[in-house]
Amino acid sequence: QTTSSALKGAIQLGITHTVGSLSTKPERDVLMQDFYVVESIFFPSEGSNLTPAHHYNDFRFKTYAPVAFRYFRELFGIRPDDYLYSLCNDPLIELSNSGASGSLFYVSSDDEFIIKTVQHKEAEFLQKLLPGYYMNLNQNPRTLLPKFYGLYCVQAGGKNIRIVVMNNLLPRSVRMHLKYDLKGSTYKRRASQKEREKVFPTFKDLDFMQDIPD
């Protein structure tokens, strides 16, 4: 099993390498094939001529559609240096997860970015969405769609852990009064009694309709 600290370390090493190597490549227009590129680099614990030595087990780091995501980050005003500094300069902070998906959530120490582990089918779906996402962003620069900054995979110990980097909509500096997890469905969409007893419970669709009927 990949421990949380090892996963966080592998994510930071991988992102540092992929963003650094991308900065040496000239900027150009995004082509259709860019959405389907997967770059892979092996990180042995003793280091290599391309990667630094580290204290974790050997792992492989995959970057999906690196040129396309570089374009998205630029479109959202995220400079490579800032992306690296936010994600890799200080340890990532693990969030306690209140969702049913079983995903792990990490936030950068400056609260700018959130990292979420995703299932294989979710990562695959996001990859297929990328050409349409690209079109939508170009036609609607002020879109309220989630801002995706990167899609990666850490392979270690026979496991694939896929992660997506997004904008953090709820920084800790924002005081939260009520929290709802809305899915647009009413089936089994009421917070359990156990959830309601928490200090900051996560309510659901039926609770929202009851609490805020207008």
N, C-alpha and C. Protein backbone atom coordinates (compact mmCIF):
# COMPACT_ATOMS: atom_id res chain seq x y z
N GLN A 1 0.85 -1.20 0.00
CA GLN A 1 0.00 0.00 0.00
C GLN A 1 0.88 1.25 0.00
N THR A 2 0.52 2.18 -0.87
CA THR A 2 1.25 3.45 -0.93
C THR A 2 0.78 4.34 0.22
N THR A 3 1.70 4.71 1.11
CA THR A 3 1.30 5.57 2.23
C THR A 3 1.01 6.97 1.72
N SER A 4 0.26 7.70 2.52
CA SER A 4 -0.12 9.06 2.12
C SER A 4 1.10 9.95 1.94
N SER A 5 2.08 9.84 2.86
CA SER A 5 3.27 10.70 2.75
C SER A 5 4.08 10.35 1.51
N ALA A 6 4.16 9.05 1.19
CA ALA A 6 4.89 8.63 -0.02
C ALA A 6 4.16 9.11 -1.27
N LEU A 7 2.83 9.04 -1.25
CA LEU A 7 2.05 9.50 -2.40
C LEU A 7 2.23 11.00 -2.60
N LYS A 8 2.16 11.76 -1.51
CA LYS A 8 2.34 13.21 -1.60
C LYS A 8 3.73 13.55 -2.14
N GLY A 9 4.74 12.82 -1.65
CA GLY A 9 6.11 13.06 -2.12
C GLY A 9 6.27 12.73 -3.59
N ALA A 10 5.67 11.61 -4.02
CA ALA A 10 5.76 11.19 -5.42
C ALA A 10 5.06 12.21 -6.33
N ILE A 11 3.91 12.70 -5.89
CA ILE A 11 3.18 13.72 -6.67
C ILE A 11 4.05 14.95 -6.87
N GLN A 12 4.69 15.40 -5.80
CA GLN A 12 5.50 16.62 -5.89
C GLN A 12 6.74 16.41 -6.76
N LEU A 13 7.39 15.26 -6.63
CA LEU A 13 8.55 14.97 -7.49
C LEU A 13 8.13 14.90 -8.95
N GLY A 14 7.02 14.23 -9.21
CA GLY A 14 6.54 14.06 -10.58
C GLY A 14 6.15 15.37 -11.23
N ILE A 15 5.40 16.19 -10.50
CA ILE A 15 4.97 17.48 -11.05
C ILE A 15 6.17 18.40 -11.28
N THR A 16 7.12 18.40 -10.34
CA THR A 16 8.33 19.21 -10.51
C THR A 16 9.04 18.84 -11.80
N HIS A 17 9.15 17.53 -12.05
CA HIS A 17 9.87 17.07 -13.25
C HIS A 17 9.10 17.41 -14.52
N THR A 18 7.80 17.11 -14.54
CA THR A 18 7.04 17.28 -15.78
C THR A 18 6.89 18.75 -16.17
N VAL A 19 6.68 19.63 -15.17
CA VAL A 19 6.56 21.07 -15.48
C VAL A 19 7.91 21.63 -15.91
N GLY A 20 8.98 21.17 -15.26
CA GLY A 20 10.33 21.61 -15.62
C GLY A 20 10.71 21.21 -17.02
N SER A 21 10.43 19.94 -17.38
CA SER A 21 10.80 19.47 -18.73
C SER A 21 9.94 20.14 -19.79
N LEU A 22 8.71 20.47 -19.44
CA LEU A 22 7.80 21.14 -20.39
C LEU A 22 8.27 22.55 -20.69
N SER A 23 8.90 23.19 -19.69
CA SER A 23 9.34 24.58 -19.87
C SER A 23 10.47 24.70 -20.89
N THR A 24 11.14 23.58 -21.19
CA THR A 24 12.22 23.60 -22.19
C THR A 24 11.66 23.45 -23.61
N LYS A 25 10.38 23.07 -23.71
CA LYS A 25 9.77 22.88 -25.03
C LYS A 25 9.07 24.17 -25.45
N PRO A 26 9.27 24.59 -26.70
CA PRO A 26 8.65 25.85 -27.15
C PRO A 26 7.12 25.79 -27.11
N GLU A 27 6.51 26.92 -26.83
CA GLU A 27 5.04 26.98 -26.82
C GLU A 27 4.54 26.95 -28.25
N ARG A 28 3.43 26.28 -28.46
CA ARG A 28 2.85 26.16 -29.80
C ARG A 28 1.35 25.94 -29.65
N ASP A 29 0.67 25.96 -30.79
CA ASP A 29 -0.77 25.70 -30.76
C ASP A 29 -1.03 24.26 -30.32
N VAL A 30 -2.16 24.05 -29.67
CA VAL A 30 -2.55 22.70 -29.26
C VAL A 30 -3.12 21.97 -30.47
N LEU A 31 -2.61 20.78 -30.72
CA LEU A 31 -3.08 19.94 -31.83
C LEU A 31 -3.98 18.83 -31.29
N MET A 32 -4.78 18.24 -32.15
CA MET A 32 -5.71 17.20 -31.70
C MET A 32 -4.98 16.06 -30.99
N GLN A 33 -3.82 15.67 -31.52
CA GLN A 33 -3.11 14.53 -30.91
C GLN A 33 -2.58 14.85 -29.51
N ASP A 34 -2.44 16.15 -29.20
CA ASP A 34 -1.92 16.52 -27.87
C ASP A 34 -2.84 16.05 -26.74
N PHE A 35 -4.12 15.90 -27.02
CA PHE A 35 -5.06 15.48 -25.98
C PHE A 35 -4.87 14.02 -25.59
N TYR A 36 -4.18 13.25 -26.44
CA TYR A 36 -4.07 11.80 -26.21
C TYR A 36 -2.65 11.37 -25.82
N VAL A 37 -1.75 12.32 -25.69
CA VAL A 37 -0.36 12.01 -25.32
C VAL A 37 -0.29 11.65 -23.84
N VAL A 38 0.48 10.60 -23.52
CA VAL A 38 0.76 10.25 -22.12
C VAL A 38 2.27 10.13 -21.99
N GLU A 39 2.86 10.98 -21.17
CA GLU A 39 4.31 10.92 -20.94
C GLU A 39 4.57 10.17 -19.64
N SER A 40 5.58 9.30 -19.67
CA SER A 40 5.86 8.46 -18.50
C SER A 40 7.33 8.56 -18.13
N ILE A 41 7.62 8.69 -16.84
CA ILE A 41 9.02 8.76 -16.38
C ILE A 41 9.16 7.91 -15.12
N PHE A 42 10.26 7.14 -15.07
CA PHE A 42 10.51 6.25 -13.93
C PHE A 42 11.38 6.96 -12.90
N PHE A 43 11.00 6.86 -11.64
CA PHE A 43 11.72 7.49 -10.53
C PHE A 43 12.29 6.41 -9.60
N PRO A 44 13.47 5.84 -9.92
CA PRO A 44 14.06 4.88 -8.98
C PRO A 44 14.51 5.61 -7.71
N SER A 45 14.47 4.92 -6.57
CA SER A 45 14.79 5.60 -5.31
C SER A 45 16.23 6.10 -5.27
N GLU A 46 17.12 5.41 -6.02
CA GLU A 46 18.53 5.85 -6.03
C GLU A 46 18.77 7.00 -6.99
N GLY A 47 17.75 7.39 -7.75
CA GLY A 47 17.89 8.48 -8.71
C GLY A 47 18.38 7.97 -10.05
N SER A 48 18.32 8.82 -11.07
CA SER A 48 18.80 8.48 -12.41
C SER A 48 19.36 9.75 -13.03
N ASN A 49 19.79 9.65 -14.30
CA ASN A 49 20.31 10.86 -14.95
C ASN A 49 19.21 11.88 -15.24
N LEU A 50 17.94 11.46 -15.09
CA LEU A 50 16.81 12.38 -15.33
C LEU A 50 16.08 12.76 -14.04
N THR A 51 16.19 11.91 -13.02
CA THR A 51 15.39 12.12 -11.80
C THR A 51 16.26 12.12 -10.54
N PRO A 52 15.84 12.86 -9.51
CA PRO A 52 16.63 12.90 -8.27
C PRO A 52 16.42 11.65 -7.41
N ALA A 53 17.36 11.37 -6.52
CA ALA A 53 17.19 10.30 -5.54
C ALA A 53 16.09 10.73 -4.55
N HIS A 54 15.40 9.74 -3.97
CA HIS A 54 14.34 10.06 -3.00
C HIS A 54 14.22 8.93 -1.98
N HIS A 55 13.42 9.18 -0.95
CA HIS A 55 13.31 8.23 0.17
C HIS A 55 12.12 7.28 0.03
N TYR A 56 11.45 7.31 -1.11
CA TYR A 56 10.26 6.46 -1.27
C TYR A 56 10.64 5.23 -2.08
N ASN A 57 9.69 4.30 -2.22
CA ASN A 57 9.91 3.17 -3.12
C ASN A 57 9.92 3.67 -4.56
N ASP A 58 10.51 2.87 -5.46
CA ASP A 58 10.51 3.23 -6.88
C ASP A 58 9.06 3.49 -7.33
N PHE A 59 8.90 4.46 -8.21
CA PHE A 59 7.56 4.68 -8.76
C PHE A 59 7.69 5.23 -10.18
N ARG A 60 6.60 5.15 -10.91
CA ARG A 60 6.51 5.72 -12.26
C ARG A 60 5.46 6.82 -12.23
N PHE A 61 5.76 7.93 -12.91
CA PHE A 61 4.84 9.07 -12.92
C PHE A 61 4.40 9.34 -14.35
N LYS A 62 3.09 9.35 -14.57
CA LYS A 62 2.55 9.61 -15.91
C LYS A 62 1.85 10.97 -15.94
N THR A 63 2.08 11.69 -17.02
CA THR A 63 1.44 12.99 -17.23
C THR A 63 0.57 12.88 -18.47
N TYR A 64 -0.72 13.15 -18.31
CA TYR A 64 -1.65 13.08 -19.44
C TYR A 64 -1.75 14.44 -20.12
N ALA A 65 -1.71 14.41 -21.44
CA ALA A 65 -1.90 15.61 -22.27
C ALA A 65 -1.11 16.82 -21.75
N PRO A 66 0.22 16.69 -21.56
CA PRO A 66 0.98 17.79 -20.94
C PRO A 66 0.89 19.12 -21.68
N VAL A 67 0.93 19.10 -23.01
CA VAL A 67 0.89 20.35 -23.78
C VAL A 67 -0.50 21.01 -23.66
N ALA A 68 -1.55 20.18 -23.69
CA ALA A 68 -2.92 20.71 -23.56
C ALA A 68 -3.12 21.34 -22.19
N PHE A 69 -2.66 20.67 -21.13
CA PHE A 69 -2.84 21.22 -19.79
C PHE A 69 -1.96 22.46 -19.56
N ARG A 70 -0.81 22.50 -20.22
CA ARG A 70 0.00 23.73 -20.14
C ARG A 70 -0.81 24.90 -20.72
N TYR A 71 -1.49 24.65 -21.83
CA TYR A 71 -2.33 25.68 -22.45
C TYR A 71 -3.45 26.11 -21.50
N PHE A 72 -4.11 25.12 -20.86
CA PHE A 72 -5.20 25.44 -19.94
C PHE A 72 -4.69 26.29 -18.77
N ARG A 73 -3.54 25.91 -18.21
CA ARG A 73 -3.00 26.67 -17.07
C ARG A 73 -2.71 28.12 -17.48
N GLU A 74 -2.16 28.27 -18.69
CA GLU A 74 -1.85 29.61 -19.18
C GLU A 74 -3.14 30.42 -19.38
N LEU A 75 -4.15 29.76 -19.91
CA LEU A 75 -5.45 30.41 -20.14
C LEU A 75 -6.06 30.90 -18.82
N PHE A 76 -5.82 30.12 -17.75
CA PHE A 76 -6.36 30.48 -16.43
C PHE A 76 -5.42 31.42 -15.67
N GLY A 77 -4.34 31.85 -16.32
CA GLY A 77 -3.43 32.80 -15.68
C GLY A 77 -2.50 32.19 -14.65
N ILE A 78 -2.23 30.88 -14.79
CA ILE A 78 -1.33 30.19 -13.85
C ILE A 78 0.05 30.07 -14.48
N ARG A 79 1.03 30.79 -13.94
CA ARG A 79 2.40 30.72 -14.46
C ARG A 79 3.07 29.45 -13.96
N PRO A 80 3.94 28.84 -14.79
CA PRO A 80 4.60 27.59 -14.38
C PRO A 80 5.30 27.69 -13.02
N ASP A 81 6.00 28.82 -12.78
CA ASP A 81 6.71 29.00 -11.50
C ASP A 81 5.74 28.99 -10.32
N ASP A 82 4.60 29.66 -10.49
CA ASP A 82 3.61 29.73 -9.41
C ASP A 82 2.98 28.36 -9.16
N TYR A 83 2.71 27.63 -10.24
CA TYR A 83 2.12 26.29 -10.15
C TYR A 83 3.06 25.37 -9.36
N LEU A 84 4.35 25.42 -9.73
CA LEU A 84 5.35 24.60 -9.04
C LEU A 84 5.51 25.02 -7.59
N TYR A 85 5.61 26.31 -7.36
CA TYR A 85 5.83 26.81 -6.00
C TYR A 85 4.67 26.42 -5.09
N SER A 86 3.45 26.61 -5.57
CA SER A 86 2.26 26.30 -4.76
C SER A 86 2.18 24.81 -4.43
N LEU A 87 2.42 23.97 -5.44
CA LEU A 87 2.21 22.54 -5.25
C LEU A 87 3.41 21.81 -4.64
N CYS A 88 4.61 22.32 -4.89
CA CYS A 88 5.80 21.52 -4.57
C CYS A 88 6.75 22.13 -3.55
N ASN A 89 6.53 23.38 -3.15
CA ASN A 89 7.49 24.02 -2.24
C ASN A 89 7.31 23.56 -0.79
N ASP A 90 6.06 23.35 -0.39
CA ASP A 90 5.75 22.92 0.98
C ASP A 90 4.92 21.65 0.93
N PRO A 91 4.89 20.89 2.03
CA PRO A 91 4.11 19.64 2.04
C PRO A 91 2.63 19.90 1.73
N LEU A 92 2.04 18.96 0.99
CA LEU A 92 0.60 19.04 0.70
C LEU A 92 -0.17 18.71 1.98
N ILE A 93 -1.35 19.28 2.12
CA ILE A 93 -2.18 19.06 3.31
C ILE A 93 -3.32 18.12 2.94
N GLU A 94 -3.44 17.02 3.68
CA GLU A 94 -4.52 16.07 3.41
C GLU A 94 -5.80 16.54 4.07
N LEU A 95 -6.90 16.49 3.32
CA LEU A 95 -8.20 16.90 3.87
C LEU A 95 -8.97 15.67 4.29
N SER A 96 -9.76 15.80 5.36
CA SER A 96 -10.63 14.68 5.74
C SER A 96 -11.77 14.66 4.73
N ASN A 97 -12.09 13.48 4.25
CA ASN A 97 -13.04 13.35 3.15
C ASN A 97 -14.43 13.02 3.67
N SER A 98 -15.41 13.86 3.30
CA SER A 98 -16.78 13.60 3.74
C SER A 98 -17.63 13.01 2.62
N GLY A 99 -17.04 12.77 1.47
CA GLY A 99 -17.79 12.22 0.34
C GLY A 99 -17.83 10.71 0.36
N ALA A 100 -18.72 10.14 -0.46
CA ALA A 100 -18.86 8.68 -0.49
C ALA A 100 -17.95 8.04 -1.54
N SER A 101 -17.24 8.87 -2.32
CA SER A 101 -16.45 8.34 -3.43
C SER A 101 -15.19 7.62 -2.97
N GLY A 102 -14.75 7.90 -1.74
CA GLY A 102 -13.51 7.28 -1.26
C GLY A 102 -12.27 7.97 -1.79
N SER A 103 -12.43 9.10 -2.46
CA SER A 103 -11.28 9.83 -3.00
C SER A 103 -10.48 10.47 -1.87
N LEU A 104 -9.18 10.61 -2.11
CA LEU A 104 -8.33 11.38 -1.21
C LEU A 104 -8.27 12.81 -1.75
N PHE A 105 -8.23 13.77 -0.86
CA PHE A 105 -8.11 15.17 -1.25
C PHE A 105 -6.90 15.78 -0.58
N TYR A 106 -6.10 16.49 -1.36
CA TYR A 106 -4.98 17.26 -0.81
C TYR A 106 -5.15 18.71 -1.25
N VAL A 107 -4.67 19.62 -0.42
CA VAL A 107 -4.70 21.03 -0.80
C VAL A 107 -3.27 21.57 -0.69
N SER A 108 -2.91 22.48 -1.59
CA SER A 108 -1.57 23.08 -1.51
C SER A 108 -1.52 23.97 -0.27
N SER A 109 -0.33 24.16 0.28
CA SER A 109 -0.20 24.89 1.56
C SER A 109 -0.69 26.34 1.45
N ASP A 110 -0.71 26.90 0.23
CA ASP A 110 -1.20 28.28 0.07
C ASP A 110 -2.69 28.33 -0.29
N ASP A 111 -3.33 27.14 -0.28
CA ASP A 111 -4.79 27.06 -0.52
C ASP A 111 -5.21 27.32 -1.96
N GLU A 112 -4.27 27.41 -2.89
CA GLU A 112 -4.62 27.74 -4.28
C GLU A 112 -5.19 26.53 -5.04
N PHE A 113 -4.60 25.36 -4.81
CA PHE A 113 -4.94 24.19 -5.63
C PHE A 113 -5.43 23.03 -4.77
N ILE A 114 -6.33 22.26 -5.36
CA ILE A 114 -6.79 21.04 -4.69
C ILE A 114 -6.44 19.85 -5.59
N ILE A 115 -6.00 18.78 -4.98
CA ILE A 115 -5.64 17.56 -5.70
C ILE A 115 -6.60 16.47 -5.25
N LYS A 116 -7.21 15.78 -6.21
CA LYS A 116 -8.18 14.74 -5.88
C LYS A 116 -7.78 13.45 -6.58
N THR A 117 -7.80 12.33 -5.85
CA THR A 117 -7.57 11.05 -6.51
C THR A 117 -8.87 10.66 -7.23
N VAL A 118 -8.73 10.10 -8.42
CA VAL A 118 -9.91 9.73 -9.21
C VAL A 118 -9.80 8.28 -9.67
N GLN A 119 -10.95 7.67 -9.93
CA GLN A 119 -10.98 6.30 -10.45
C GLN A 119 -10.50 6.30 -11.90
N HIS A 120 -10.11 5.10 -12.35
CA HIS A 120 -9.63 4.95 -13.73
C HIS A 120 -10.66 5.47 -14.73
N LYS A 121 -11.93 5.09 -14.52
CA LYS A 121 -12.97 5.50 -15.49
C LYS A 121 -13.19 7.01 -15.49
N GLU A 122 -12.99 7.65 -14.34
CA GLU A 122 -13.13 9.11 -14.27
C GLU A 122 -12.01 9.80 -15.03
N ALA A 123 -10.77 9.29 -14.84
CA ALA A 123 -9.62 9.86 -15.54
C ALA A 123 -9.78 9.68 -17.05
N GLU A 124 -10.27 8.51 -17.43
CA GLU A 124 -10.50 8.20 -18.85
C GLU A 124 -11.55 9.15 -19.43
N PHE A 125 -12.60 9.38 -18.66
CA PHE A 125 -13.68 10.27 -19.09
C PHE A 125 -13.18 11.70 -19.26
N LEU A 126 -12.36 12.16 -18.31
CA LEU A 126 -11.81 13.51 -18.40
C LEU A 126 -10.93 13.65 -19.65
N GLN A 127 -10.14 12.60 -19.92
CA GLN A 127 -9.29 12.63 -21.12
C GLN A 127 -10.13 12.78 -22.39
N LYS A 128 -11.24 12.05 -22.44
CA LYS A 128 -12.12 12.12 -23.61
C LYS A 128 -12.80 13.48 -23.72
N LEU A 129 -12.99 14.13 -22.58
CA LEU A 129 -13.64 15.45 -22.56
C LEU A 129 -12.73 16.57 -23.04
N LEU A 130 -11.41 16.34 -23.00
CA LEU A 130 -10.46 17.44 -23.20
C LEU A 130 -10.66 18.24 -24.49
N PRO A 131 -10.87 17.59 -25.66
CA PRO A 131 -11.08 18.42 -26.87
C PRO A 131 -12.29 19.34 -26.74
N GLY A 132 -13.40 18.82 -26.17
CA GLY A 132 -14.59 19.65 -25.97
C GLY A 132 -14.37 20.72 -24.92
N TYR A 133 -13.60 20.38 -23.89
CA TYR A 133 -13.25 21.34 -22.83
C TYR A 133 -12.45 22.50 -23.43
N TYR A 134 -11.52 22.15 -24.31
CA TYR A 134 -10.68 23.14 -25.01
C TYR A 134 -11.56 24.10 -25.82
N MET A 135 -12.50 23.52 -26.57
CA MET A 135 -13.41 24.34 -27.39
C MET A 135 -14.25 25.27 -26.50
N ASN A 136 -14.76 24.71 -25.41
CA ASN A 136 -15.62 25.48 -24.52
C ASN A 136 -14.87 26.64 -23.89
N LEU A 137 -13.63 26.40 -23.46
CA LEU A 137 -12.84 27.46 -22.82
C LEU A 137 -12.53 28.58 -23.81
N ASN A 138 -12.29 28.21 -25.06
CA ASN A 138 -11.98 29.23 -26.06
C ASN A 138 -13.21 30.06 -26.43
N GLN A 139 -14.37 29.42 -26.42
CA GLN A 139 -15.60 30.13 -26.79
C GLN A 139 -16.21 30.88 -25.60
N ASN A 140 -15.93 30.38 -24.38
CA ASN A 140 -16.51 30.97 -23.16
C ASN A 140 -15.42 31.18 -22.11
N PRO A 141 -14.60 32.22 -22.28
CA PRO A 141 -13.48 32.43 -21.35
C PRO A 141 -13.91 32.59 -19.90
N ARG A 142 -15.15 33.03 -19.68
CA ARG A 142 -15.62 33.25 -18.30
C ARG A 142 -16.47 32.07 -17.81
N THR A 143 -16.25 30.91 -18.39
CA THR A 143 -17.01 29.72 -18.03
C THR A 143 -16.94 29.42 -16.53
N LEU A 144 -18.00 28.83 -16.01
CA LEU A 144 -18.02 28.40 -14.61
C LEU A 144 -17.69 26.91 -14.48
N LEU A 145 -17.24 26.31 -15.57
CA LEU A 145 -16.79 24.91 -15.49
C LEU A 145 -15.60 24.81 -14.54
N PRO A 146 -15.39 23.64 -13.93
CA PRO A 146 -14.20 23.48 -13.08
C PRO A 146 -12.93 23.78 -13.87
N LYS A 147 -11.94 24.30 -13.19
CA LYS A 147 -10.65 24.58 -13.83
C LYS A 147 -9.71 23.41 -13.58
N PHE A 148 -9.43 22.68 -14.64
CA PHE A 148 -8.52 21.53 -14.54
C PHE A 148 -7.12 21.97 -14.94
N TYR A 149 -6.16 21.73 -14.07
CA TYR A 149 -4.78 22.18 -14.31
C TYR A 149 -3.83 21.04 -14.66
N GLY A 150 -4.22 19.81 -14.38
CA GLY A 150 -3.33 18.70 -14.67
C GLY A 150 -3.98 17.37 -14.32
N LEU A 151 -3.61 16.33 -15.09
CA LEU A 151 -4.08 14.96 -14.84
C LEU A 151 -2.85 14.06 -14.84
N TYR A 152 -2.65 13.35 -13.73
CA TYR A 152 -1.43 12.57 -13.55
C TYR A 152 -1.75 11.19 -12.99
N CYS A 153 -0.74 10.31 -13.02
CA CYS A 153 -0.90 8.97 -12.43
C CYS A 153 0.41 8.57 -11.76
N VAL A 154 0.31 8.10 -10.52
CA VAL A 154 1.47 7.54 -9.81
C VAL A 154 1.31 6.03 -9.81
N GLN A 155 2.30 5.32 -10.38
CA GLN A 155 2.30 3.86 -10.37
C GLN A 155 3.34 3.39 -9.37
N ALA A 156 2.89 2.68 -8.34
CA ALA A 156 3.82 2.18 -7.32
C ALA A 156 3.23 0.95 -6.66
N GLY A 157 4.09 -0.02 -6.40
CA GLY A 157 3.64 -1.23 -5.70
C GLY A 157 2.49 -1.94 -6.37
N GLY A 158 2.47 -1.92 -7.71
CA GLY A 158 1.40 -2.60 -8.44
C GLY A 158 0.08 -1.85 -8.46
N LYS A 159 0.08 -0.61 -7.96
CA LYS A 159 -1.15 0.18 -7.94
C LYS A 159 -1.03 1.41 -8.84
N ASN A 160 -2.14 1.80 -9.43
CA ASN A 160 -2.21 3.05 -10.20
C ASN A 160 -3.06 4.04 -9.42
N ILE A 161 -2.49 5.18 -9.07
CA ILE A 161 -3.25 6.21 -8.37
C ILE A 161 -3.32 7.44 -9.27
N ARG A 162 -4.51 7.70 -9.79
CA ARG A 162 -4.69 8.82 -10.71
C ARG A 162 -5.17 10.05 -9.95
N ILE A 163 -4.61 11.19 -10.31
CA ILE A 163 -4.97 12.43 -9.61
C ILE A 163 -5.27 13.54 -10.61
N VAL A 164 -6.15 14.43 -10.20
CA VAL A 164 -6.45 15.61 -11.00
C VAL A 164 -6.19 16.84 -10.12
N VAL A 165 -5.58 17.88 -10.72
CA VAL A 165 -5.31 19.13 -10.01
C VAL A 165 -6.33 20.17 -10.48
N MET A 166 -7.00 20.80 -9.51
CA MET A 166 -8.05 21.78 -9.83
C MET A 166 -7.90 23.03 -8.98
N ASN A 167 -8.69 24.05 -9.30
CA ASN A 167 -8.71 25.26 -8.46
C ASN A 167 -9.45 24.95 -7.16
N ASN A 168 -8.97 25.51 -6.08
CA ASN A 168 -9.61 25.31 -4.78
C ASN A 168 -10.66 26.40 -4.57
N LEU A 169 -11.92 26.00 -4.65
CA LEU A 169 -13.02 26.98 -4.54
C LEU A 169 -13.32 27.38 -3.10
N LEU A 170 -12.84 26.58 -2.14
CA LEU A 170 -13.17 26.86 -0.74
C LEU A 170 -11.92 26.99 0.12
N PRO A 171 -11.15 28.06 -0.06
CA PRO A 171 -9.97 28.24 0.79
C PRO A 171 -10.36 28.37 2.26
N ARG A 172 -9.43 28.00 3.14
CA ARG A 172 -9.72 27.99 4.57
C ARG A 172 -10.02 29.39 5.12
N SER A 173 -9.60 30.42 4.41
CA SER A 173 -9.83 31.80 4.88
C SER A 173 -11.30 32.21 4.73
N VAL A 174 -12.06 31.45 3.92
CA VAL A 174 -13.48 31.76 3.73
C VAL A 174 -14.29 31.05 4.82
N ARG A 175 -15.05 31.82 5.60
CA ARG A 175 -15.85 31.22 6.68
C ARG A 175 -17.06 30.51 6.07
N MET A 176 -17.22 29.24 6.44
CA MET A 176 -18.31 28.45 5.89
C MET A 176 -19.47 28.40 6.89
N HIS A 177 -20.66 28.76 6.43
CA HIS A 177 -21.83 28.73 7.31
C HIS A 177 -22.57 27.41 7.18
N LEU A 178 -22.81 26.99 5.96
CA LEU A 178 -23.48 25.72 5.69
C LEU A 178 -22.80 25.06 4.50
N LYS A 179 -22.81 23.73 4.48
CA LYS A 179 -22.16 23.02 3.37
C LYS A 179 -23.12 21.99 2.80
N TYR A 180 -23.32 22.07 1.48
CA TYR A 180 -24.19 21.13 0.78
C TYR A 180 -23.41 20.44 -0.34
N ASP A 181 -23.60 19.15 -0.46
CA ASP A 181 -23.04 18.37 -1.57
C ASP A 181 -24.22 18.07 -2.50
N LEU A 182 -24.33 18.85 -3.59
CA LEU A 182 -25.50 18.75 -4.47
C LEU A 182 -25.17 17.98 -5.74
N LYS A 183 -26.03 17.02 -6.06
CA LYS A 183 -25.80 16.21 -7.26
C LYS A 183 -26.93 16.35 -8.28
N GLY A 184 -27.97 17.12 -7.95
CA GLY A 184 -29.08 17.26 -8.89
C GLY A 184 -30.00 16.06 -8.89
N SER A 185 -29.95 15.26 -7.81
CA SER A 185 -30.79 14.07 -7.69
C SER A 185 -31.44 14.10 -6.31
N THR A 186 -32.59 13.42 -6.17
CA THR A 186 -33.24 13.38 -4.85
C THR A 186 -33.21 11.98 -4.25
N TYR A 187 -32.73 10.99 -5.00
CA TYR A 187 -32.71 9.61 -4.50
C TYR A 187 -31.62 9.44 -3.44
N LYS A 188 -32.05 9.10 -2.23
CA LYS A 188 -31.12 8.90 -1.09
C LYS A 188 -30.23 10.12 -0.86
N ARG A 189 -30.78 11.30 -1.11
CA ARG A 189 -29.96 12.51 -1.02
C ARG A 189 -30.33 13.34 0.20
N ARG A 190 -30.27 12.68 1.38
CA ARG A 190 -30.48 13.37 2.64
C ARG A 190 -29.33 12.99 3.57
N ALA A 191 -28.79 13.96 4.28
CA ALA A 191 -27.67 13.68 5.20
C ALA A 191 -28.12 12.71 6.29
N SER A 192 -27.27 11.75 6.63
CA SER A 192 -27.60 10.76 7.66
C SER A 192 -27.58 11.42 9.04
N GLN A 193 -28.16 10.73 10.01
CA GLN A 193 -28.17 11.25 11.38
C GLN A 193 -26.74 11.40 11.90
N LYS A 194 -25.90 10.43 11.54
CA LYS A 194 -24.49 10.46 11.97
C LYS A 194 -23.79 11.70 11.40
N GLU A 195 -24.08 12.01 10.13
CA GLU A 195 -23.49 13.19 9.48
C GLU A 195 -23.97 14.47 10.15
N ARG A 196 -25.25 14.51 10.51
CA ARG A 196 -25.84 15.71 11.12
C ARG A 196 -25.25 16.03 12.49
N GLU A 197 -24.70 15.01 13.13
CA GLU A 197 -24.14 15.21 14.48
C GLU A 197 -22.73 15.80 14.43
N LYS A 198 -22.15 15.89 13.23
CA LYS A 198 -20.80 16.46 13.10
C LYS A 198 -20.83 17.97 13.34
N VAL A 199 -19.67 18.53 13.68
CA VAL A 199 -19.57 19.98 13.90
C VAL A 199 -19.93 20.74 12.63
N PHE A 200 -19.36 20.28 11.47
CA PHE A 200 -19.68 20.89 10.17
C PHE A 200 -20.23 19.81 9.25
N PRO A 201 -21.52 19.48 9.39
CA PRO A 201 -22.07 18.41 8.55
C PRO A 201 -22.16 18.81 7.08
N THR A 202 -22.12 17.80 6.22
CA THR A 202 -22.33 18.03 4.79
C THR A 202 -23.76 17.61 4.46
N PHE A 203 -24.60 18.58 4.14
CA PHE A 203 -25.99 18.29 3.80
C PHE A 203 -26.11 17.94 2.31
N LYS A 204 -27.28 17.42 1.92
CA LYS A 204 -27.47 16.97 0.53
C LYS A 204 -28.70 17.63 -0.09
N ASP A 205 -29.06 17.14 -1.28
CA ASP A 205 -30.09 17.81 -2.10
C ASP A 205 -31.43 18.01 -1.38
N LEU A 206 -31.94 16.95 -0.72
CA LEU A 206 -33.24 17.06 -0.06
C LEU A 206 -33.19 18.03 1.11
N ASP A 207 -32.04 18.07 1.80
CA ASP A 207 -31.86 19.03 2.89
C ASP A 207 -31.90 20.46 2.34
N PHE A 208 -31.25 20.65 1.19
CA PHE A 208 -31.19 21.97 0.55
C PHE A 208 -32.60 22.44 0.18
N MET A 209 -33.38 21.53 -0.40
CA MET A 209 -34.74 21.88 -0.82
C MET A 209 -35.62 22.22 0.38
N GLN A 210 -35.35 21.56 1.50
CA GLN A 210 -36.12 21.81 2.72
C GLN A 210 -35.66 23.10 3.41
N ASP A 211 -34.34 23.31 3.47
CA ASP A 211 -33.79 24.47 4.17
C ASP A 211 -33.96 25.77 3.40
N ILE A 212 -33.85 25.67 2.05
CA ILE A 212 -33.90 26.87 1.21
C ILE A 212 -34.96 26.65 0.13
N PRO A 213 -36.24 26.66 0.52
CA PRO A 213 -37.31 26.30 -0.43
C PRO A 213 -37.44 27.25 -1.61
N ASP A 214 -37.03 28.50 -1.46
CA ASP A 214 -37.16 29.47 -2.55
C ASP A 214 -36.05 29.29 -3.56
